[in-house]
Amino acid sequence: MDHKELADLIFPNAKEIEYYEEKYPERNLPEGAMVTRFAPSPTGFVHIGGLFGAIVDRKLAQQTNGVFILRIEDTDQKREIEKGTEQIVKGLSNFGIIPNEGMIGEDEEKGNYGPYKQSQRKEIYQAYAKSLIERGFAYPCFCTPEELEEIREKQEKAKIRPGYYGIWAKYRSLPLQEAAEKIKNGEKYIIRFKSQGREDRKIKHKDIIKGNIEFPENDQDIVIIKADGLPTYHFAHAVDDHLMRVTHVIRGDEWVSSIPLHLELFKTLGFKSPKYAHTATIMKDDNGGKRKISKRKDPEAAVSYYHEEGIPQEAVIEYLLNIANSNFEPWRRANKDAEVSEFDLQLNKMSVSGAVFDMVKLLDVSKNVISKFTAEKIYNETLEWAKNYDEELRNLLEQHKEYSLKVLNIERGNAKPRKDISKWSEVKGIISYMYDEIFDNNNTYEFQKITDEEEIKKILSSYIEKHFNINDDKQTWFDKMKDLAEEMGYAREVKEYKQEPEKYKGHVGDISTVIRVGLTGKCNTPDLYEIIQILGENKVTERLKRI
């Protein structure tokens, strides 16, 4: 019996690999175009590290006029969860990440290089595994779990490298006729790769991010087709990246040690290997130390967290690009109003060590991002968030749309817009004083410097009776505040008070704080004049008379 006969026995219906090479031809793309892929397993929520990878993949494809693919690696079907692909598609689309090609729903896909779920590509993998068997680079292995355990125990006892290689590869040199007889007798088997590597030889590899790395060659006879006929990750990714014509594989640095194996697979299969870039793991500060951000310990590890908190997708993307490239921050300072798509991401400028995920910094970025939004965008996004997470806020916004747009437009669209909102879950607390339905009338007000109750009442009654006119323009309104200050024994200007503090009870700022707190219950709010204009004459008078 020869290798071809054994291959035909194992995979009698597999097509010739030439069929797939013709079916999935080289892509007709401009020079320098990158074909990237995000290839998660449908085993749970999208992790922040996955989102980071997807953003980098999409950005590189976009800026080079290439293709970004969403492929689902579901060959480990024991770990798969129900609607796992749909969760991934939705998790990415919440951040505006839509693939050019690949999965767009649980069972929907687009593109000419599919199927894009590995479980549906079984016949393709079997064709390439058959080709390896025919050429003597793969073989059936009949090891039972007990035999594999025995090999591992012997290696452990002898203090040598674990694995299935060399003299430990029990079925590597099994005569072909014997292998065929075992198959015909119904013995269980898997297909292993027949490595030609030697551990005492080195390979050199240039990673786009990590630079030059030297490894021992791979000598492990890894499993390429499992007992259920599906491939292992290592084999599937080589076949898929080749047939989908992927040019750059960007993945976490936990895969660096697989480079010798993957390069050997590509070479043995006769494929040109893609360029590899291994990104550093996103870290988290933990009592002065650093650790990997964890699905179990850190709520912010799941991308659904940002949706629940109402942190806009633009802010998360901006922050992750900040982590990705050290030159993003200077670029943003120089291009304050530019679209993030204009930034040119460079793989060779990505950090070799793990960037620390900083929620404070993210919320700071988010404040800047939201400060550039129009009132209408803030209204629409807050309402969308409130539909899922805050019924009371939803009702307020829907019942008072025009009023709410005015409230959200305070200090917006000018040279120094307000930066008090970092996420939609904060909006209600920030604007609640503008709505009688949720304004807390029973506040114990903190009037700051002026604390005497009689003094506060005098200031408020004098303001209402002598100085308040809803039709005043801003300058007239402020001049009247100064008149009120002077009348009550306070300096008209802050600088006057600073020059001669003993001469005055305080200054005009202390007076305006009393009115601000009387109207809103807060010491710090956006522009007081705009608040008064939106509240209107009756509401202003009613609130100040109540104190």
Protein backbone atom coordinates (compact mmCIF):
# COMPACT_ATOMS: atom_id res chain seq x y z
CA MET A 1 0.00 0.00 0.00
CA ASP A 2 1.26 3.53 -0.79
CA HIS A 3 0.44 6.91 0.77
CA LYS A 4 -2.16 7.74 -1.89
CA GLU A 5 -4.10 4.55 -1.22
CA LEU A 6 -4.08 5.26 2.53
CA ALA A 7 -5.27 8.84 1.86
CA ASP A 8 -8.09 7.55 -0.36
CA LEU A 9 -9.13 5.09 2.36
CA ILE A 10 -9.31 7.84 4.99
CA PHE A 11 -10.85 10.59 2.83
CA PRO A 12 -12.53 8.83 -0.13
CA ASN A 13 -14.75 11.78 -1.08
CA ALA A 14 -12.30 14.65 -0.65
CA LYS A 15 -11.78 16.87 -3.68
CA GLU A 16 -8.37 17.68 -5.14
CA ILE A 17 -6.87 20.79 -3.52
CA GLU A 18 -6.59 22.41 -6.97
CA TYR A 19 -10.38 22.76 -6.89
CA TYR A 20 -10.17 25.06 -3.84
CA GLU A 21 -7.15 26.97 -5.16
CA GLU A 22 -9.24 27.88 -8.23
CA LYS A 23 -12.42 28.53 -6.25
CA TYR A 24 -10.63 31.03 -3.96
CA PRO A 25 -8.23 32.89 -6.27
CA GLU A 26 -5.76 35.63 -5.34
CA ARG A 27 -7.66 38.85 -4.60
CA ASN A 28 -7.55 41.70 -7.07
CA LEU A 29 -6.55 44.47 -4.65
CA PRO A 30 -4.33 47.57 -4.94
CA GLU A 31 -0.67 47.18 -3.98
CA GLY A 32 -0.12 47.37 -0.23
CA ALA A 33 -3.75 46.47 0.55
CA MET A 34 -4.04 44.43 3.74
CA VAL A 35 -6.44 41.53 4.16
CA THR A 36 -7.01 41.07 7.90
CA ARG A 37 -9.33 38.85 9.90
CA PHE A 38 -10.87 38.82 13.33
CA ALA A 39 -11.46 35.16 14.15
CA PRO A 40 -13.08 34.61 17.56
CA SER A 41 -14.67 31.45 18.94
CA PRO A 42 -18.43 31.65 19.69
CA THR A 43 -17.88 30.83 23.37
CA GLY A 44 -19.20 33.94 25.13
CA PHE A 45 -19.10 37.72 25.10
CA VAL A 46 -16.61 39.79 23.11
CA HIS A 47 -13.68 40.62 25.39
CA ILE A 48 -12.10 44.10 25.42
CA GLY A 49 -8.92 42.46 24.07
CA GLY A 50 -10.96 41.03 21.19
CA LEU A 51 -12.50 44.42 20.46
CA PHE A 52 -9.00 45.94 20.51
CA GLY A 53 -7.85 43.34 17.96
CA ALA A 54 -10.93 43.87 15.76
CA ILE A 55 -10.41 47.65 15.75
CA VAL A 56 -6.77 47.23 14.71
CA ASP A 57 -7.72 44.67 12.02
CA ARG A 58 -10.45 46.88 10.58
CA LYS A 59 -8.33 50.06 10.72
CA LEU A 60 -5.44 48.48 8.82
CA ALA A 61 -7.77 47.08 6.15
CA GLN A 62 -9.58 50.42 5.81
CA GLN A 63 -6.53 52.62 5.50
CA THR A 64 -4.91 50.37 2.85
CA ASN A 65 -8.12 49.80 0.80
CA GLY A 66 -8.01 46.15 1.80
CA VAL A 67 -10.53 43.69 3.26
CA PHE A 68 -11.54 43.03 6.87
CA ILE A 69 -13.02 39.55 7.49
CA LEU A 70 -15.05 38.24 10.43
CA ARG A 71 -14.42 34.49 10.61
CA ILE A 72 -15.85 32.25 13.32
CA GLU A 73 -13.54 29.53 14.65
CA ASP A 74 -16.09 27.04 15.98
CA THR A 75 -14.31 23.71 15.58
CA ASP A 76 -14.31 23.17 19.36
CA GLN A 77 -18.05 22.60 19.47
CA LYS A 78 -18.12 21.52 23.13
CA ARG A 79 -17.33 25.11 24.16
CA GLU A 80 -19.77 26.79 21.77
CA ILE A 81 -22.73 28.65 23.29
CA GLU A 82 -26.17 29.18 21.77
CA LYS A 83 -26.33 32.23 19.47
CA GLY A 84 -22.60 32.72 20.07
CA THR A 85 -21.96 34.10 16.58
CA GLU A 86 -24.88 36.52 16.86
CA GLN A 87 -23.45 37.82 20.15
CA ILE A 88 -20.11 38.49 18.47
CA VAL A 89 -21.69 40.22 15.44
CA LYS A 90 -23.86 42.37 17.73
CA GLY A 91 -20.98 43.10 20.14
CA LEU A 92 -18.87 44.42 17.26
CA SER A 93 -21.69 46.31 15.53
CA ASN A 94 -22.35 48.19 18.80
CA PHE A 95 -18.95 49.77 18.12
CA GLY A 96 -19.63 50.38 14.44
CA ILE A 97 -17.43 47.45 13.38
CA ILE A 98 -19.03 45.81 10.35
CA PRO A 99 -16.86 43.38 8.36
CA ASN A 100 -16.33 43.76 4.62
CA GLU A 101 -16.65 40.00 4.44
CA GLY A 102 -17.67 37.17 6.75
CA MET A 103 -20.40 36.60 9.31
CA ILE A 104 -23.11 39.26 9.64
CA GLY A 105 -25.58 37.19 11.73
CA GLU A 106 -25.87 33.80 13.42
CA ASP A 107 -26.16 32.05 10.03
CA GLU A 108 -25.80 34.95 7.59
CA GLU A 109 -22.60 35.80 5.78
CA LYS A 110 -21.35 37.90 2.89
CA GLY A 111 -18.36 37.49 0.58
CA ASN A 112 -16.96 35.04 -1.99
CA TYR A 113 -14.37 33.30 0.20
CA GLY A 114 -16.74 31.48 2.57
CA PRO A 115 -18.12 29.62 4.33
CA TYR A 116 -16.85 31.87 7.14
CA LYS A 117 -17.67 29.41 9.94
CA GLN A 118 -14.97 26.76 10.26
CA SER A 119 -17.48 24.03 11.14
CA GLN A 120 -18.92 24.45 7.62
CA ARG A 121 -15.51 24.08 5.92
CA LYS A 122 -14.92 20.45 6.96
CA GLU A 123 -14.51 19.13 3.39
CA ILE A 124 -11.91 21.83 2.64
CA TYR A 125 -9.72 20.85 5.60
CA GLN A 126 -10.07 17.17 4.73
CA ALA A 127 -8.89 17.86 1.17
CA TYR A 128 -5.69 19.50 2.45
CA ALA A 129 -5.17 16.82 5.13
CA LYS A 130 -5.56 14.18 2.41
CA SER A 131 -2.94 15.97 0.32
CA LEU A 132 -0.52 15.89 3.29
CA ILE A 133 -1.11 12.13 3.80
CA GLU A 134 -0.50 11.49 0.07
CA ARG A 135 2.82 13.32 0.34
CA GLY A 136 3.86 11.55 3.56
CA PHE A 137 3.47 14.63 5.78
CA ALA A 138 0.52 13.37 7.83
CA TYR A 139 -0.60 10.04 9.24
CA PRO A 140 -3.37 8.37 11.26
CA CYS A 141 -2.65 8.02 14.98
CA PHE A 142 -4.46 5.40 17.04
CA CYS A 143 -3.26 6.46 20.51
CA THR A 144 -5.83 5.99 23.24
CA PRO A 145 -6.14 8.54 26.08
CA GLU A 146 -4.45 5.94 28.33
CA GLU A 147 -1.47 5.60 25.96
CA LEU A 148 -1.06 9.39 25.75
CA GLU A 149 -1.18 9.61 29.55
CA GLU A 150 1.48 6.90 29.82
CA ILE A 151 3.75 8.81 27.41
CA ARG A 152 3.27 12.02 29.42
CA GLU A 153 4.09 10.26 32.73
CA LYS A 154 7.29 8.75 31.31
CA GLN A 155 8.40 12.15 29.98
CA GLU A 156 7.64 13.78 33.32
CA LYS A 157 9.58 11.10 35.20
CA ALA A 158 12.56 11.47 32.88
CA LYS A 159 12.29 15.30 33.20
CA ILE A 160 12.15 15.79 29.46
CA ARG A 161 10.02 17.96 27.19
CA PRO A 162 6.39 16.81 27.01
CA GLY A 163 4.67 16.18 23.71
CA TYR A 164 4.16 13.78 20.82
CA TYR A 165 7.43 13.89 18.88
CA GLY A 166 10.41 11.82 17.82
CA ILE A 167 10.62 8.48 19.62
CA TRP A 168 7.49 9.38 21.60
CA ALA A 169 5.40 9.60 18.41
CA LYS A 170 4.17 6.02 18.73
CA TYR A 171 2.30 5.70 15.41
CA ARG A 172 4.53 7.95 13.29
CA SER A 173 6.34 5.04 11.63
CA LEU A 174 3.50 2.53 11.60
CA PRO A 175 3.59 0.61 8.30
CA LEU A 176 0.88 1.90 5.92
CA GLN A 177 -0.68 -1.56 5.54
CA GLU A 178 -1.04 -1.89 9.33
CA ALA A 179 -2.62 1.57 9.54
CA ALA A 180 -5.10 0.62 6.79
CA GLU A 181 -6.05 -2.61 8.57
CA LYS A 182 -6.69 -0.76 11.83
CA ILE A 183 -8.95 1.71 10.00
CA LYS A 184 -10.83 -1.11 8.27
CA ASN A 185 -11.28 -2.80 11.66
CA GLY A 186 -13.03 0.32 12.95
CA GLU A 187 -10.32 1.45 15.38
CA LYS A 188 -10.63 5.12 16.40
CA TYR A 189 -7.97 7.48 15.09
CA ILE A 190 -7.06 11.11 14.48
CA ILE A 191 -4.75 12.63 11.84
CA ARG A 192 -1.41 14.03 12.92
CA PHE A 193 1.01 16.31 11.11
CA LYS A 194 4.39 14.61 10.46
CA SER A 195 6.81 17.35 11.46
CA GLN A 196 10.17 17.55 9.70
CA GLY A 197 11.58 19.91 12.33
CA ARG A 198 14.29 19.35 14.91
CA GLU A 199 14.46 21.05 18.27
CA ASP A 200 18.25 21.49 18.04
CA ARG A 201 17.84 23.71 14.96
CA LYS A 202 16.76 27.35 15.16
CA ILE A 203 14.49 29.47 13.01
CA LYS A 204 14.54 33.27 12.80
CA HIS A 205 11.31 35.17 12.40
CA LYS A 206 10.55 38.88 12.12
CA ASP A 207 7.35 39.84 13.93
CA ILE A 208 5.99 43.24 12.83
CA ILE A 209 5.53 44.38 16.44
CA LYS A 210 8.07 42.36 18.42
CA GLY A 211 10.87 42.47 15.84
CA ASN A 212 13.37 39.63 15.32
CA ILE A 213 12.71 36.48 17.36
CA GLU A 214 14.63 33.20 17.34
CA PHE A 215 12.93 29.88 18.15
CA PRO A 216 13.78 26.19 18.10
CA GLU A 217 12.11 24.50 15.11
CA ASN A 218 8.80 22.75 15.70
CA ASP A 219 9.16 18.97 16.04
CA GLN A 220 5.74 18.17 17.49
CA ASP A 221 3.43 15.90 15.50
CA ILE A 222 0.33 17.92 16.32
CA VAL A 223 -3.23 16.74 15.71
CA ILE A 224 -4.61 18.35 12.55
CA ILE A 225 -7.92 16.47 12.16
CA LYS A 226 -9.79 15.32 15.26
CA ALA A 227 -11.89 12.15 15.67
CA ASP A 228 -15.05 14.09 14.71
CA GLY A 229 -13.48 15.01 11.36
CA LEU A 230 -13.06 18.67 12.28
CA PRO A 231 -9.64 20.35 12.30
CA THR A 232 -7.68 21.77 15.21
CA TYR A 233 -7.14 25.53 15.38
CA HIS A 234 -3.56 25.29 14.11
CA PHE A 235 -4.43 23.45 10.91
CA ALA A 236 -7.68 25.32 10.21
CA HIS A 237 -6.10 28.74 10.56
CA ALA A 238 -3.36 27.85 8.07
CA VAL A 239 -5.83 26.58 5.46
CA ASP A 240 -8.29 29.45 6.01
CA ASP A 241 -5.72 32.25 6.02
CA HIS A 242 -4.29 30.88 2.78
CA LEU A 243 -7.61 30.40 0.96
CA MET A 244 -9.07 33.69 2.24
CA ARG A 245 -5.83 35.30 1.05
CA VAL A 246 -5.13 36.93 4.43
CA THR A 247 -1.97 39.05 4.27
CA HIS A 248 -1.57 40.05 7.95
CA VAL A 249 -2.49 38.08 11.08
CA ILE A 250 -2.73 40.37 14.11
CA ARG A 251 -3.27 38.35 17.28
CA GLY A 252 -2.44 38.30 21.00
CA ASP A 253 1.10 37.54 22.08
CA GLU A 254 0.00 34.28 23.74
CA TRP A 255 0.31 32.86 20.19
CA VAL A 256 3.99 33.81 19.73
CA SER A 257 5.19 30.37 20.80
CA SER A 258 3.08 28.82 17.99
CA ILE A 259 5.06 30.63 15.29
CA PRO A 260 7.49 27.72 14.53
CA LEU A 261 4.56 25.31 14.13
CA HIS A 262 2.51 27.70 12.00
CA LEU A 263 5.42 28.58 9.72
CA GLU A 264 6.17 24.87 9.25
CA LEU A 265 2.50 24.17 8.42
CA PHE A 266 2.43 26.94 5.81
CA LYS A 267 5.69 25.76 4.27
CA THR A 268 4.68 22.06 4.17
CA LEU A 269 1.27 22.91 2.71
CA GLY A 270 3.03 24.94 0.01
CA PHE A 271 1.45 28.23 1.12
CA LYS A 272 3.00 31.66 1.40
CA SER A 273 2.72 32.55 5.09
CA PRO A 274 1.02 35.81 6.13
CA LYS A 275 2.92 38.47 8.07
CA TYR A 276 2.41 38.07 11.82
CA ALA A 277 2.01 40.85 14.39
CA HIS A 278 1.59 39.84 18.02
CA THR A 279 -0.07 42.48 20.19
CA ALA A 280 0.72 42.84 23.88
CA THR A 281 -1.99 41.78 26.34
CA ILE A 282 -4.12 44.56 27.84
CA MET A 283 -3.20 44.83 31.51
CA LYS A 284 -4.92 46.11 34.64
CA ASP A 285 -3.40 47.83 37.68
CA ASP A 286 -3.90 45.66 40.74
CA ASN A 287 -2.63 47.11 44.04
CA GLY A 288 0.49 48.51 42.44
CA GLY A 289 1.14 45.41 40.33
CA LYS A 290 -0.03 44.50 36.83
CA ARG A 291 -2.15 41.58 35.70
CA LYS A 292 -4.09 40.61 32.60
CA ILE A 293 -7.55 42.15 32.41
CA SER A 294 -9.85 39.32 33.45
CA LYS A 295 -13.32 38.20 32.28
CA ARG A 296 -13.95 36.89 35.79
CA LYS A 297 -12.72 39.82 37.91
CA ASP A 298 -13.23 42.92 35.77
CA PRO A 299 -16.68 44.00 34.50
CA GLU A 300 -14.97 46.27 31.94
CA ALA A 301 -13.46 43.17 30.29
CA ALA A 302 -16.82 42.52 28.54
CA VAL A 303 -17.65 44.98 25.76
CA SER A 304 -21.33 44.81 26.81
CA TYR A 305 -20.24 46.78 29.91
CA TYR A 306 -19.66 49.93 27.80
CA HIS A 307 -23.11 49.62 26.29
CA GLU A 308 -24.71 49.18 29.72
CA GLU A 309 -22.82 52.17 31.17
CA GLY A 310 -23.55 54.26 28.10
CA ILE A 311 -19.96 55.02 27.14
CA PRO A 312 -20.20 56.00 23.47
CA GLN A 313 -18.56 53.73 20.91
CA GLU A 314 -16.52 56.67 19.56
CA ALA A 315 -14.89 57.15 22.99
CA VAL A 316 -14.01 53.46 23.41
CA ILE A 317 -12.52 53.30 19.90
CA GLU A 318 -10.56 56.52 20.46
CA TYR A 319 -9.20 55.20 23.76
CA LEU A 320 -8.20 51.83 22.30
CA LEU A 321 -6.37 53.57 19.42
CA ASN A 322 -4.63 55.59 22.13
CA ILE A 323 -3.46 52.30 23.65
CA ALA A 324 -2.58 50.91 20.21
CA ASN A 325 -0.24 53.68 19.01
CA SER A 326 1.84 56.01 21.17
CA ASN A 327 1.59 58.72 18.50
CA PHE A 328 -2.23 58.82 18.61
CA GLU A 329 -2.36 61.34 21.51
CA PRO A 330 -0.05 63.91 19.83
CA TRP A 331 -1.99 63.40 16.58
CA ARG A 332 -5.28 64.08 18.38
CA ARG A 333 -3.89 67.25 20.00
CA ALA A 334 -2.81 68.51 16.58
CA ASN A 335 -6.08 67.42 14.90
CA LYS A 336 -8.74 68.20 17.50
CA ASP A 337 -11.71 67.94 15.15
CA ALA A 338 -10.46 65.29 12.73
CA GLU A 339 -12.34 62.04 12.25
CA VAL A 340 -10.55 59.10 13.86
CA SER A 341 -10.52 57.42 10.43
CA GLU A 342 -7.93 60.01 9.35
CA PHE A 343 -5.37 58.66 11.84
CA ASP A 344 -2.79 56.38 10.21
CA LEU A 345 -2.28 53.35 12.47
CA GLN A 346 1.19 51.81 12.30
CA LEU A 347 1.78 48.24 13.49
CA ASN A 348 5.47 48.91 14.13
CA LYS A 349 4.49 51.66 16.59
CA MET A 350 2.47 49.33 18.76
CA SER A 351 3.71 48.66 22.28
CA VAL A 352 5.80 45.54 22.88
CA SER A 353 4.81 45.48 26.56
CA GLY A 354 1.19 45.39 27.75
CA ALA A 355 -0.68 48.69 27.91
CA VAL A 356 -2.54 49.32 31.17
CA PHE A 357 -6.30 49.76 30.78
CA ASP A 358 -7.20 52.91 32.70
CA MET A 359 -10.93 53.56 33.23
CA VAL A 360 -10.25 57.11 34.50
CA LYS A 361 -8.39 57.91 31.29
CA LEU A 362 -11.14 56.32 29.18
CA LEU A 363 -13.81 58.47 30.86
CA ASP A 364 -11.61 61.54 30.34
CA VAL A 365 -11.37 60.69 26.64
CA SER A 366 -15.15 60.15 26.65
CA LYS A 367 -15.78 63.63 28.11
CA ASN A 368 -13.75 65.15 25.29
CA VAL A 369 -15.53 63.07 22.66
CA ILE A 370 -19.02 63.91 24.01
CA SER A 371 -18.13 67.61 24.30
CA LYS A 372 -17.97 67.71 20.48
CA PHE A 373 -21.37 66.07 20.01
CA THR A 374 -24.42 68.17 19.12
CA ALA A 375 -27.28 68.39 21.61
CA GLU A 376 -29.37 66.34 19.19
CA LYS A 377 -26.81 63.50 19.08
CA ILE A 378 -26.58 63.49 22.89
CA TYR A 379 -30.37 63.48 23.15
CA ASN A 380 -30.75 60.59 20.68
CA GLU A 381 -27.98 58.45 22.21
CA THR A 382 -29.12 59.08 25.80
CA LEU A 383 -32.70 58.22 24.82
CA GLU A 384 -31.54 55.01 23.10
CA TRP A 385 -29.56 54.06 26.24
CA ALA A 386 -32.50 54.97 28.53
CA LYS A 387 -34.88 52.71 26.54
CA ASN A 388 -32.87 49.76 27.85
CA TYR A 389 -31.71 50.94 31.26
CA ASP A 390 -33.71 53.88 32.70
CA GLU A 391 -37.50 54.09 32.19
CA GLU A 392 -37.84 57.36 34.13
CA LEU A 393 -35.23 59.14 32.01
CA ARG A 394 -36.75 57.74 28.83
CA ASN A 395 -40.18 59.17 29.75
CA LEU A 396 -38.71 62.59 30.58
CA LEU A 397 -36.80 62.82 27.34
CA GLU A 398 -39.73 61.63 25.23
CA GLN A 399 -42.27 63.93 26.94
CA HIS A 400 -40.03 67.02 26.88
CA LYS A 401 -38.05 66.65 23.66
CA GLU A 402 -37.67 70.34 22.68
CA TYR A 403 -37.04 71.41 26.28
CA SER A 404 -34.45 68.60 26.71
CA LEU A 405 -32.64 69.64 23.54
CA LYS A 406 -32.30 73.17 24.99
CA VAL A 407 -31.04 71.77 28.31
CA LEU A 408 -28.44 69.59 26.57
CA ASN A 409 -27.40 72.50 24.34
CA ILE A 410 -26.25 74.68 27.27
CA GLU A 411 -22.59 75.63 26.68
CA ARG A 412 -22.37 73.45 23.61
CA GLY A 413 -20.96 74.32 20.20
CA ASN A 414 -18.69 77.12 21.45
CA ALA A 415 -14.88 77.32 21.67
CA LYS A 416 -14.86 75.79 25.17
CA PRO A 417 -17.80 73.35 25.32
CA ARG A 418 -18.89 71.81 28.62
CA LYS A 419 -17.17 68.55 29.57
CA ASP A 420 -19.35 67.24 32.38
CA ILE A 421 -20.78 64.14 30.67
CA SER A 422 -18.60 61.03 30.30
CA LYS A 423 -21.38 58.44 29.78
CA TRP A 424 -25.12 58.34 29.20
CA SER A 425 -25.77 56.78 32.62
CA GLU A 426 -24.63 60.10 34.18
CA VAL A 427 -26.97 62.33 32.19
CA LYS A 428 -29.98 62.07 34.51
CA GLY A 429 -27.94 63.06 37.56
CA ILE A 430 -26.36 65.97 35.69
CA ILE A 431 -29.58 67.51 34.29
CA SER A 432 -32.16 66.39 36.91
CA TYR A 433 -32.48 69.90 38.39
CA MET A 434 -33.95 71.14 35.09
CA TYR A 435 -37.03 68.90 35.48
CA ASP A 436 -39.59 69.47 38.22
CA GLU A 437 -40.54 65.77 38.09
CA ILE A 438 -37.15 64.66 39.43
CA PHE A 439 -35.71 67.84 40.98
CA ASP A 440 -35.17 67.21 44.68
CA ASN A 441 -37.09 70.01 46.45
CA ASN A 442 -35.98 68.76 49.86
CA ASN A 443 -32.32 69.40 49.25
CA THR A 444 -30.31 70.65 52.17
CA TYR A 445 -28.58 73.28 50.08
CA GLU A 446 -24.88 73.98 50.46
CA PHE A 447 -24.57 77.66 49.63
CA GLN A 448 -20.79 77.57 50.12
CA LYS A 449 -19.39 80.89 51.43
CA ILE A 450 -22.68 82.57 52.37
CA THR A 451 -24.33 80.42 55.02
CA ASP A 452 -26.52 82.82 57.05
CA GLU A 453 -30.15 81.97 56.28
CA GLU A 454 -31.40 85.54 56.64
CA GLU A 455 -28.65 86.81 54.32
CA ILE A 456 -29.56 84.16 51.73
CA LYS A 457 -33.26 85.10 51.87
CA LYS A 458 -32.43 88.81 51.48
CA ILE A 459 -30.24 88.12 48.44
CA LEU A 460 -32.90 85.96 46.78
CA SER A 461 -35.84 88.26 47.47
CA SER A 462 -33.89 91.33 46.31
CA TYR A 463 -32.89 89.51 43.13
CA ILE A 464 -36.49 88.50 42.32
CA GLU A 465 -38.04 91.85 43.19
CA LYS A 466 -35.48 94.32 41.79
CA HIS A 467 -33.00 92.66 39.46
CA PHE A 468 -34.63 89.75 37.67
CA ASN A 469 -36.03 90.23 34.18
CA ILE A 470 -36.26 87.15 31.95
CA ASN A 471 -35.90 89.36 28.84
CA ASP A 472 -32.47 90.75 29.79
CA ASP A 473 -29.57 89.87 27.50
CA LYS A 474 -26.55 88.24 29.10
CA GLN A 475 -24.54 91.42 29.66
CA THR A 476 -27.50 93.27 31.20
CA TRP A 477 -28.21 90.24 33.42
CA PHE A 478 -24.62 90.15 34.64
CA ASP A 479 -24.53 93.93 35.25
CA LYS A 480 -27.64 93.54 37.41
CA MET A 481 -25.90 90.75 39.38
CA LYS A 482 -23.11 93.22 40.08
CA ASP A 483 -25.68 95.83 41.16
CA LEU A 484 -27.20 93.27 43.55
CA ALA A 485 -23.74 92.44 44.93
CA GLU A 486 -22.96 96.10 45.56
CA GLU A 487 -26.35 96.70 47.18
CA MET A 488 -25.75 93.78 49.59
CA GLY A 489 -22.22 94.88 50.54
CA TYR A 490 -20.27 92.57 48.18
CA ALA A 491 -17.61 93.57 45.63
CA ARG A 492 -18.85 94.07 42.05
CA GLU A 493 -15.65 92.38 40.75
CA VAL A 494 -13.64 89.48 42.14
CA LYS A 495 -10.37 91.44 41.72
CA GLU A 496 -11.77 94.32 43.85
CA TYR A 497 -12.45 91.85 46.64
CA LYS A 498 -8.97 90.33 46.37
CA GLN A 499 -7.37 93.79 46.62
CA GLU A 500 -9.37 94.86 49.70
CA PRO A 501 -11.07 91.80 51.25
CA GLU A 502 -11.70 93.57 54.57
CA LYS A 503 -13.91 96.12 52.79
CA TYR A 504 -16.51 93.59 51.51
CA LYS A 505 -18.58 90.62 52.72
CA GLY A 506 -17.50 88.74 49.57
CA HIS A 507 -17.81 89.25 45.81
CA VAL A 508 -20.29 88.93 42.94
CA GLY A 509 -19.36 85.24 42.50
CA ASP A 510 -20.66 84.48 45.99
CA ILE A 511 -23.94 86.20 45.15
CA SER A 512 -24.36 84.26 41.87
CA THR A 513 -23.60 81.01 43.76
CA VAL A 514 -26.55 81.66 46.10
CA ILE A 515 -28.84 82.09 43.11
CA ARG A 516 -27.31 79.07 41.32
CA VAL A 517 -27.78 76.82 44.37
CA GLY A 518 -31.29 78.18 44.97
CA LEU A 519 -32.30 77.27 41.43
CA THR A 520 -30.46 73.98 40.94
CA GLY A 521 -29.35 72.65 44.33
CA LYS A 522 -25.80 72.51 42.92
CA CYS A 523 -22.74 74.72 43.34
CA ASN A 524 -21.31 73.74 39.96
CA THR A 525 -23.46 73.86 36.86
CA PRO A 526 -23.07 75.04 33.30
CA ASP A 527 -23.82 78.69 32.45
CA LEU A 528 -26.31 80.16 34.96
CA TYR A 529 -27.77 82.70 32.51
CA GLU A 530 -28.65 79.89 30.04
CA ILE A 531 -30.20 77.84 32.85
CA ILE A 532 -32.41 80.78 33.85
CA GLN A 533 -33.49 81.35 30.24
CA ILE A 534 -34.53 77.70 29.83
CA LEU A 535 -36.27 77.40 33.23
CA GLY A 536 -38.31 80.52 32.43
CA GLU A 537 -39.70 83.29 34.61
CA ASN A 538 -42.33 81.35 36.55
CA LYS A 539 -40.08 78.45 37.47
CA VAL A 540 -37.19 80.74 38.51
CA THR A 541 -39.46 82.84 40.72
CA GLU A 542 -41.19 79.81 42.22
CA ARG A 543 -37.92 78.03 43.09
CA LEU A 544 -36.23 81.06 44.65
CA LYS A 545 -39.30 82.04 46.69
CA ARG A 546 -39.49 78.53 48.13
CA ILE A 547 -36.17 78.91 50.01
